[in-house]
Amino acid sequence: SVRINRDDRDSTDNRLFEIGEYHLTAEEAIKDDERKKARMRIIRRIEELNDGWVPDFEDEDEDKFSVHYDHIEDNLTAYPLFEWQEHESCLYMKSMEIAEQMIKEHGDDYKLLWGIV
């Protein structure tokens, strides 16, 4: 992420700003970088723990799990999914144990990623 002065943008700057790679303040750029780093830590650990497994959404009997934030209870929770696919930002795990492990190991990263902290 790059900080940009709104008055000095050229066409390349404008394109990067449109896709969220330029920010108007250094604080916004740093915060975005930290979210991206948190997402990559989560993705890498899930890939490691899933050991090559990828979800098959056409198989409604296959267990799939993800981590969600419960705003009422103010906590992260592991949640089972079956045949529906959520937004691309939802990361899937092959077991409840892995999802719960991810909460323990990367709870702060999830909260940072989702802007909860």
C-alpha atoms as a PDB file:
ATOM      1  CA  SER A   1       0.000   0.000   0.000  1.00  0.00           C
ATOM      2  CA  VAL A   2       1.130   3.505  -0.769  1.00  0.00           C
ATOM      3  CA  ARG A   3       0.135   6.859   0.681  1.00  0.00           C
ATOM      4  CA  ILE A   4      -0.927   9.341  -1.973  1.00  0.00           C
ATOM      5  CA  ASN A   5      -1.677  13.039  -2.078  1.00  0.00           C
ATOM      6  CA  ARG A   6      -5.149  13.455  -3.548  1.00  0.00           C
ATOM      7  CA  ASP A   7      -4.078  16.438  -5.677  1.00  0.00           C
ATOM      8  CA  ASP A   8      -1.038  14.725  -7.217  1.00  0.00           C
ATOM      9  CA  ARG A   9      -2.702  11.610  -8.622  1.00  0.00           C
ATOM     10  CA  ASP A  10      -2.153  10.669 -12.256  1.00  0.00           C
ATOM     11  CA  SER A  11      -4.091   8.011 -14.210  1.00  0.00           C
ATOM     12  CA  THR A  12      -1.973   5.185 -12.765  1.00  0.00           C
ATOM     13  CA  ASP A  13      -2.473   6.532  -9.263  1.00  0.00           C
ATOM     14  CA  ASN A  14      -6.213   6.748  -9.866  1.00  0.00           C
ATOM     15  CA  ARG A  15      -6.371   3.113 -11.036  1.00  0.00           C
ATOM     16  CA  LEU A  16      -4.414   1.950  -7.997  1.00  0.00           C
ATOM     17  CA  PHE A  17      -6.625   4.051  -5.716  1.00  0.00           C
ATOM     18  CA  GLU A  18      -9.751   2.487  -7.265  1.00  0.00           C
ATOM     19  CA  ILE A  19      -8.572  -1.030  -6.396  1.00  0.00           C
ATOM     20  CA  GLY A  20      -7.519  -0.071  -2.890  1.00  0.00           C
ATOM     21  CA  GLU A  21      -3.759  -0.057  -3.315  1.00  0.00           C
ATOM     22  CA  TYR A  22      -3.323   3.689  -2.685  1.00  0.00           C
ATOM     23  CA  HIS A  23      -4.493   5.434   0.455  1.00  0.00           C
ATOM     24  CA  LEU A  24      -4.962   9.078   1.296  1.00  0.00           C
ATOM     25  CA  THR A  25      -3.098   8.822   4.596  1.00  0.00           C
ATOM     26  CA  ALA A  26      -0.097   6.891   5.848  1.00  0.00           C
ATOM     27  CA  GLU A  27      -2.293   5.544   8.658  1.00  0.00           C
ATOM     28  CA  GLU A  28      -4.751   4.041   6.148  1.00  0.00           C
ATOM     29  CA  ALA A  29      -1.874   2.471   4.197  1.00  0.00           C
ATOM     30  CA  ILE A  30      -0.320   0.934   7.310  1.00  0.00           C
ATOM     31  CA  LYS A  31      -3.670  -0.412   8.509  1.00  0.00           C
ATOM     32  CA  ASP A  32      -4.330  -1.972   5.093  1.00  0.00           C
ATOM     33  CA  ASP A  33      -0.871  -3.558   5.043  1.00  0.00           C
ATOM     34  CA  GLU A  34      -1.460  -5.066   8.492  1.00  0.00           C
ATOM     35  CA  ARG A  35      -4.805  -6.551   7.349  1.00  0.00           C
ATOM     36  CA  LYS A  36      -3.134  -8.074   4.292  1.00  0.00           C
ATOM     37  CA  LYS A  37      -0.365  -9.579   6.413  1.00  0.00           C
ATOM     38  CA  ALA A  38      -2.943 -11.049   8.813  1.00  0.00           C
ATOM     39  CA  ARG A  39      -4.887 -12.578   5.908  1.00  0.00           C
ATOM     40  CA  MET A  40      -1.722 -14.186   4.524  1.00  0.00           C
ATOM     41  CA  ARG A  41      -0.799 -15.639   7.936  1.00  0.00           C
ATOM     42  CA  ILE A  42      -4.287 -17.141   8.150  1.00  0.00           C
ATOM     43  CA  ILE A  43      -4.242 -18.488   4.584  1.00  0.00           C
ATOM     44  CA  ARG A  44      -0.792 -20.074   4.964  1.00  0.00           C
ATOM     45  CA  ARG A  45      -1.693 -21.780   8.233  1.00  0.00           C
ATOM     46  CA  ILE A  46      -5.004 -23.099   6.877  1.00  0.00           C
ATOM     47  CA  GLU A  47      -3.215 -24.472   3.809  1.00  0.00           C
ATOM     48  CA  GLU A  48      -0.704 -26.185   6.079  1.00  0.00           C
ATOM     49  CA  LEU A  49      -3.344 -27.690   8.366  1.00  0.00           C
ATOM     50  CA  ASN A  50      -5.669 -28.713   5.503  1.00  0.00           C
ATOM     51  CA  ASP A  51      -2.752 -30.642   3.956  1.00  0.00           C
ATOM     52  CA  GLY A  52      -3.924 -30.275   0.339  1.00  0.00           C
ATOM     53  CA  TRP A  53      -7.653 -30.579   1.056  1.00  0.00           C
ATOM     54  CA  VAL A  54      -9.979 -28.225  -0.838  1.00  0.00           C
ATOM     55  CA  PRO A  55     -13.741 -28.021  -0.307  1.00  0.00           C
ATOM     56  CA  ASP A  56     -16.103 -29.709  -2.768  1.00  0.00           C
ATOM     57  CA  PHE A  57     -19.316 -27.669  -2.692  1.00  0.00           C
ATOM     58  CA  GLU A  58     -21.138 -30.180  -4.845  1.00  0.00           C
ATOM     59  CA  ASP A  59     -20.699 -32.776  -2.080  1.00  0.00           C
ATOM     60  CA  GLU A  60     -23.256 -31.813   0.549  1.00  0.00           C
ATOM     61  CA  ASP A  61     -22.097 -34.671   2.794  1.00  0.00           C
ATOM     62  CA  GLU A  62     -18.535 -33.359   3.004  1.00  0.00           C
ATOM     63  CA  ASP A  63     -17.815 -31.461   6.196  1.00  0.00           C
ATOM     64  CA  LYS A  64     -16.458 -27.952   5.750  1.00  0.00           C
ATOM     65  CA  PHE A  65     -15.763 -25.420   8.477  1.00  0.00           C
ATOM     66  CA  SER A  66     -14.987 -21.734   8.709  1.00  0.00           C
ATOM     67  CA  VAL A  67     -14.419 -19.116  11.381  1.00  0.00           C
ATOM     68  CA  HIS A  68     -17.052 -16.461  12.030  1.00  0.00           C
ATOM     69  CA  TYR A  69     -17.396 -13.569  14.432  1.00  0.00           C
ATOM     70  CA  ASP A  70     -20.489 -13.459  16.640  1.00  0.00           C
ATOM     71  CA  HIS A  71     -21.214  -9.783  17.316  1.00  0.00           C
ATOM     72  CA  ILE A  72     -23.828 -10.584  19.979  1.00  0.00           C
ATOM     73  CA  GLU A  73     -21.528 -12.887  21.969  1.00  0.00           C
ATOM     74  CA  ASP A  74     -18.408 -10.863  21.021  1.00  0.00           C
ATOM     75  CA  ASN A  75     -16.334 -13.901  20.087  1.00  0.00           C
ATOM     76  CA  LEU A  76     -14.958 -15.963  17.245  1.00  0.00           C
ATOM     77  CA  THR A  77     -16.590 -19.304  16.600  1.00  0.00           C
ATOM     78  CA  ALA A  78     -15.973 -22.310  14.377  1.00  0.00           C
ATOM     79  CA  TYR A  79     -18.968 -22.927  12.155  1.00  0.00           C
ATOM     80  CA  PRO A  80     -19.904 -25.959  10.011  1.00  0.00           C
ATOM     81  CA  LEU A  81     -20.868 -25.463   6.377  1.00  0.00           C
ATOM     82  CA  PHE A  82     -22.107 -28.035   3.904  1.00  0.00           C
ATOM     83  CA  GLU A  83     -23.273 -27.226   0.396  1.00  0.00           C
ATOM     84  CA  TRP A  84     -23.268 -23.423   0.303  1.00  0.00           C
ATOM     85  CA  GLN A  85     -20.280 -21.313  -0.573  1.00  0.00           C
ATOM     86  CA  GLU A  86     -19.781 -17.975   1.084  1.00  0.00           C
ATOM     87  CA  HIS A  87     -17.864 -14.937  -0.105  1.00  0.00           C
ATOM     88  CA  GLU A  88     -14.335 -15.550  -1.394  1.00  0.00           C
ATOM     89  CA  SER A  89     -12.960 -14.063   1.807  1.00  0.00           C
ATOM     90  CA  CYS A  90     -14.346 -17.044   3.717  1.00  0.00           C
ATOM     91  CA  LEU A  91     -11.589 -19.589   4.238  1.00  0.00           C
ATOM     92  CA  TYR A  92     -12.559 -23.246   4.656  1.00  0.00           C
ATOM     93  CA  MET A  93     -11.095 -25.964   6.817  1.00  0.00           C
ATOM     94  CA  LYS A  94     -11.603 -29.713   6.657  1.00  0.00           C
ATOM     95  CA  SER A  95     -12.405 -30.192  10.349  1.00  0.00           C
ATOM     96  CA  MET A  96     -13.877 -28.476  13.372  1.00  0.00           C
ATOM     97  CA  GLU A  97     -10.612 -29.143  15.196  1.00  0.00           C
ATOM     98  CA  ILE A  98      -8.649 -27.156  12.614  1.00  0.00           C
ATOM     99  CA  ALA A  99     -11.147 -24.283  12.766  1.00  0.00           C
ATOM    100  CA  GLU A 100     -10.912 -24.202  16.560  1.00  0.00           C
ATOM    101  CA  GLN A 101      -7.102 -24.355  16.339  1.00  0.00           C
ATOM    102  CA  MET A 102      -7.162 -21.401  13.960  1.00  0.00           C
ATOM    103  CA  ILE A 103      -9.192 -19.387  16.457  1.00  0.00           C
ATOM    104  CA  LYS A 104      -6.649 -20.157  19.186  1.00  0.00           C
ATOM    105  CA  GLU A 105      -3.607 -19.478  17.017  1.00  0.00           C
ATOM    106  CA  HIS A 106      -4.888 -16.628  14.851  1.00  0.00           C
ATOM    107  CA  GLY A 107      -7.856 -15.093  16.659  1.00  0.00           C
ATOM    108  CA  ASP A 108      -6.185 -11.691  16.707  1.00  0.00           C
ATOM    109  CA  ASP A 109      -5.431 -11.973  12.981  1.00  0.00           C
ATOM    110  CA  TYR A 110      -9.093 -12.691  12.185  1.00  0.00           C
ATOM    111  CA  LYS A 111     -10.181  -9.694  14.242  1.00  0.00           C
ATOM    112  CA  LEU A 112      -7.602  -7.463  12.567  1.00  0.00           C
ATOM    113  CA  LEU A 113      -8.626  -8.723   9.129  1.00  0.00           C
ATOM    114  CA  TRP A 114     -12.299  -8.003   9.818  1.00  0.00           C
ATOM    115  CA  GLY A 115     -11.692  -4.655  11.528  1.00  0.00           C
ATOM    116  CA  ILE A 116     -12.978  -5.846  14.906  1.00  0.00           C
ATOM    117  CA  VAL A 117      -9.994  -4.626  16.961  1.00  0.00           C
END
